[in-house]
Amino acid sequence: MLDIYRFDSGVDGPTLAMFGGIHGNELAGSVALNSLIVEFESGERKLAKGKLVIVPICNPRGYEQNVRYIDVNLNRLF
């Protein structure tokens, strides 16, 4: 199961989706996205308009094992 975080400004606007941990051995994106999630959840950061969807770890099995991917390279599925 993937953790998916949704933030809505309540004002019409675009939706941005951000994905981290596509490759399980590339940790920086997940770390950055988790920091951003904390900022939005605490109210430190707010959306001016639109929506934001964040999936900080898209490849949890690869992330846990610190390998690029397990069965398929998720980067090739987008």
N, C-alpha and C. Protein backbone atom coordinates (compact mmCIF):
# COMPACT_ATOMS: atom_id res chain seq x y z
N MET A 1 0.83 -1.18 0.00
CA MET A 1 0.00 0.00 0.00
C MET A 1 0.88 1.25 0.00
N LEU A 2 0.53 2.19 -0.85
CA LEU A 2 1.29 3.43 -0.94
C LEU A 2 0.67 4.50 -0.05
N ASP A 3 1.52 5.30 0.57
CA ASP A 3 1.04 6.47 1.30
C ASP A 3 0.86 7.59 0.30
N ILE A 4 -0.35 8.14 0.28
CA ILE A 4 -0.67 9.23 -0.64
C ILE A 4 -1.19 10.40 0.19
N TYR A 5 -0.60 11.56 -0.01
CA TYR A 5 -0.97 12.76 0.74
C TYR A 5 -1.60 13.75 -0.23
N ARG A 6 -2.74 14.29 0.17
CA ARG A 6 -3.47 15.24 -0.67
C ARG A 6 -3.66 16.55 0.10
N PHE A 7 -3.37 17.64 -0.58
CA PHE A 7 -3.55 18.97 0.01
C PHE A 7 -4.38 19.79 -0.97
N ASP A 8 -5.39 20.47 -0.44
CA ASP A 8 -6.31 21.23 -1.28
C ASP A 8 -6.39 22.65 -0.73
N SER A 9 -6.14 23.61 -1.56
CA SER A 9 -6.18 25.01 -1.13
C SER A 9 -7.60 25.50 -0.92
N GLY A 10 -8.57 24.82 -1.54
CA GLY A 10 -9.94 25.30 -1.50
C GLY A 10 -10.23 26.34 -2.56
N VAL A 11 -9.21 26.67 -3.35
CA VAL A 11 -9.34 27.64 -4.44
C VAL A 11 -9.07 26.91 -5.75
N ASP A 12 -9.92 27.14 -6.76
CA ASP A 12 -9.71 26.50 -8.05
C ASP A 12 -8.30 26.77 -8.57
N GLY A 13 -7.75 25.77 -9.21
CA GLY A 13 -6.42 25.89 -9.78
C GLY A 13 -5.91 24.54 -10.22
N PRO A 14 -4.69 24.48 -10.70
CA PRO A 14 -4.14 23.23 -11.20
C PRO A 14 -3.86 22.23 -10.07
N THR A 15 -3.72 20.98 -10.46
CA THR A 15 -3.30 19.93 -9.54
C THR A 15 -1.90 19.49 -9.93
N LEU A 16 -1.02 19.44 -8.94
CA LEU A 16 0.36 18.99 -9.15
C LEU A 16 0.53 17.68 -8.40
N ALA A 17 1.08 16.67 -9.07
CA ALA A 17 1.41 15.40 -8.43
C ALA A 17 2.92 15.26 -8.38
N MET A 18 3.44 14.87 -7.20
CA MET A 18 4.88 14.70 -7.01
C MET A 18 5.14 13.28 -6.51
N PHE A 19 6.10 12.62 -7.14
CA PHE A 19 6.41 11.23 -6.83
C PHE A 19 7.86 11.08 -6.42
N GLY A 20 8.12 10.33 -5.36
CA GLY A 20 9.47 10.03 -4.92
C GLY A 20 9.64 8.53 -4.79
N GLY A 21 10.86 8.11 -4.66
CA GLY A 21 11.13 6.70 -4.44
C GLY A 21 10.72 5.81 -5.59
N ILE A 22 10.74 6.33 -6.81
CA ILE A 22 10.47 5.50 -7.98
C ILE A 22 11.52 4.40 -8.04
N HIS A 23 12.76 4.78 -7.86
CA HIS A 23 13.85 3.83 -7.71
C HIS A 23 14.18 3.72 -6.23
N GLY A 24 14.10 2.53 -5.70
CA GLY A 24 14.25 2.31 -4.27
C GLY A 24 15.58 2.73 -3.68
N ASN A 25 16.61 2.82 -4.50
CA ASN A 25 17.92 3.19 -3.99
C ASN A 25 18.24 4.67 -4.18
N GLU A 26 17.25 5.45 -4.58
CA GLU A 26 17.41 6.89 -4.72
C GLU A 26 16.56 7.56 -3.64
N LEU A 27 17.18 7.91 -2.53
CA LEU A 27 16.46 8.32 -1.33
C LEU A 27 16.16 9.82 -1.25
N ALA A 28 16.91 10.64 -1.94
CA ALA A 28 16.82 12.09 -1.76
C ALA A 28 15.42 12.64 -2.04
N GLY A 29 14.78 12.18 -3.09
CA GLY A 29 13.44 12.67 -3.42
C GLY A 29 12.43 12.35 -2.33
N SER A 30 12.50 11.15 -1.79
CA SER A 30 11.58 10.75 -0.72
C SER A 30 11.82 11.58 0.53
N VAL A 31 13.07 11.83 0.86
CA VAL A 31 13.41 12.65 2.03
C VAL A 31 12.85 14.07 1.84
N ALA A 32 13.06 14.63 0.67
CA ALA A 32 12.58 15.99 0.39
C ALA A 32 11.05 16.05 0.44
N LEU A 33 10.39 15.07 -0.16
CA LEU A 33 8.93 15.07 -0.16
C LEU A 33 8.36 14.88 1.25
N ASN A 34 8.99 14.04 2.05
CA ASN A 34 8.53 13.87 3.43
C ASN A 34 8.68 15.17 4.22
N SER A 35 9.73 15.93 3.97
CA SER A 35 9.89 17.23 4.62
C SER A 35 8.79 18.19 4.18
N LEU A 36 8.46 18.16 2.91
CA LEU A 36 7.40 19.01 2.38
C LEU A 36 6.04 18.64 2.99
N ILE A 37 5.79 17.35 3.14
CA ILE A 37 4.55 16.88 3.77
C ILE A 37 4.43 17.43 5.19
N VAL A 38 5.52 17.37 5.94
CA VAL A 38 5.51 17.88 7.32
C VAL A 38 5.17 19.37 7.32
N GLU A 39 5.73 20.12 6.39
CA GLU A 39 5.48 21.56 6.31
C GLU A 39 4.01 21.85 6.02
N PHE A 40 3.41 21.10 5.10
CA PHE A 40 2.00 21.30 4.78
C PHE A 40 1.10 20.85 5.94
N GLU A 41 1.40 19.72 6.54
CA GLU A 41 0.57 19.22 7.63
C GLU A 41 0.63 20.13 8.86
N SER A 42 1.76 20.76 9.09
CA SER A 42 1.91 21.65 10.26
C SER A 42 1.33 23.04 10.01
N GLY A 43 1.03 23.35 8.76
CA GLY A 43 0.54 24.68 8.42
C GLY A 43 1.64 25.68 8.13
N GLU A 44 2.89 25.22 8.23
CA GLU A 44 4.03 26.10 7.94
C GLU A 44 4.01 26.54 6.48
N ARG A 45 3.54 25.67 5.61
CA ARG A 45 3.44 25.96 4.17
C ARG A 45 1.99 25.76 3.76
N LYS A 46 1.48 26.65 2.88
CA LYS A 46 0.10 26.56 2.42
C LYS A 46 0.05 26.74 0.91
N LEU A 47 -0.93 26.11 0.29
CA LEU A 47 -1.16 26.29 -1.14
C LEU A 47 -1.94 27.58 -1.36
N ALA A 48 -1.57 28.36 -2.35
CA ALA A 48 -2.33 29.57 -2.69
C ALA A 48 -3.57 29.20 -3.50
N LYS A 49 -3.44 28.20 -4.37
CA LYS A 49 -4.58 27.73 -5.15
C LYS A 49 -4.28 26.32 -5.65
N GLY A 50 -5.31 25.64 -6.07
CA GLY A 50 -5.15 24.30 -6.63
C GLY A 50 -4.97 23.22 -5.59
N LYS A 51 -4.46 22.09 -6.07
CA LYS A 51 -4.28 20.90 -5.22
C LYS A 51 -2.88 20.34 -5.42
N LEU A 52 -2.43 19.62 -4.40
CA LEU A 52 -1.13 18.96 -4.45
C LEU A 52 -1.31 17.53 -3.98
N VAL A 53 -0.78 16.60 -4.75
CA VAL A 53 -0.79 15.18 -4.38
C VAL A 53 0.67 14.74 -4.29
N ILE A 54 1.04 14.13 -3.16
CA ILE A 54 2.42 13.67 -2.96
C ILE A 54 2.42 12.19 -2.62
N VAL A 55 3.22 11.43 -3.37
CA VAL A 55 3.48 10.02 -3.06
C VAL A 55 4.98 9.92 -2.81
N PRO A 56 5.40 9.93 -1.54
CA PRO A 56 6.83 10.02 -1.25
C PRO A 56 7.62 8.75 -1.57
N ILE A 57 6.97 7.59 -1.52
CA ILE A 57 7.68 6.34 -1.84
C ILE A 57 6.79 5.51 -2.76
N CYS A 58 7.12 5.49 -4.04
CA CYS A 58 6.33 4.76 -5.03
C CYS A 58 6.76 3.30 -5.15
N ASN A 59 7.91 2.98 -4.65
CA ASN A 59 8.46 1.63 -4.75
C ASN A 59 8.88 1.15 -3.36
N PRO A 60 7.89 0.85 -2.48
CA PRO A 60 8.24 0.54 -1.09
C PRO A 60 9.12 -0.70 -0.93
N ARG A 61 8.92 -1.72 -1.74
CA ARG A 61 9.77 -2.92 -1.63
C ARG A 61 11.20 -2.60 -1.99
N GLY A 62 11.41 -1.87 -3.09
CA GLY A 62 12.75 -1.47 -3.48
C GLY A 62 13.38 -0.54 -2.46
N TYR A 63 12.57 0.37 -1.91
CA TYR A 63 13.04 1.32 -0.90
C TYR A 63 13.51 0.57 0.35
N GLU A 64 12.72 -0.40 0.81
CA GLU A 64 13.09 -1.18 1.99
C GLU A 64 14.38 -1.96 1.78
N GLN A 65 14.59 -2.45 0.55
CA GLN A 65 15.77 -3.27 0.25
C GLN A 65 16.92 -2.45 -0.32
N ASN A 66 16.69 -1.14 -0.52
CA ASN A 66 17.70 -0.24 -1.07
C ASN A 66 18.23 -0.73 -2.42
N VAL A 67 17.29 -1.14 -3.29
CA VAL A 67 17.62 -1.55 -4.65
C VAL A 67 16.80 -0.72 -5.63
N ARG A 68 17.29 -0.57 -6.82
CA ARG A 68 16.64 0.27 -7.83
C ARG A 68 15.19 -0.16 -8.06
N TYR A 69 14.98 -1.42 -8.34
CA TYR A 69 13.62 -1.95 -8.50
C TYR A 69 13.63 -3.44 -8.25
N ILE A 70 12.44 -4.02 -8.05
CA ILE A 70 12.31 -5.45 -7.78
C ILE A 70 11.95 -6.20 -9.06
N ASP A 71 10.77 -5.97 -9.58
CA ASP A 71 10.31 -6.72 -10.76
C ASP A 71 10.38 -5.89 -12.04
N VAL A 72 9.98 -4.64 -11.95
CA VAL A 72 9.99 -3.76 -13.13
C VAL A 72 10.53 -2.39 -12.73
N ASN A 73 11.13 -1.72 -13.70
CA ASN A 73 11.59 -0.36 -13.50
C ASN A 73 10.38 0.57 -13.64
N LEU A 74 9.90 1.11 -12.53
CA LEU A 74 8.69 1.93 -12.53
C LEU A 74 8.83 3.15 -13.44
N ASN A 75 10.04 3.63 -13.65
CA ASN A 75 10.26 4.77 -14.55
C ASN A 75 9.82 4.46 -15.97
N ARG A 76 9.79 3.21 -16.33
CA ARG A 76 9.40 2.81 -17.70
C ARG A 76 7.90 2.65 -17.84
N LEU A 77 7.16 2.82 -16.74
CA LEU A 77 5.70 2.63 -16.78
C LEU A 77 4.94 3.94 -16.86
N PHE A 78 5.63 5.08 -16.69
CA PHE A 78 4.93 6.36 -16.75
C PHE A 78 4.56 6.70 -18.18
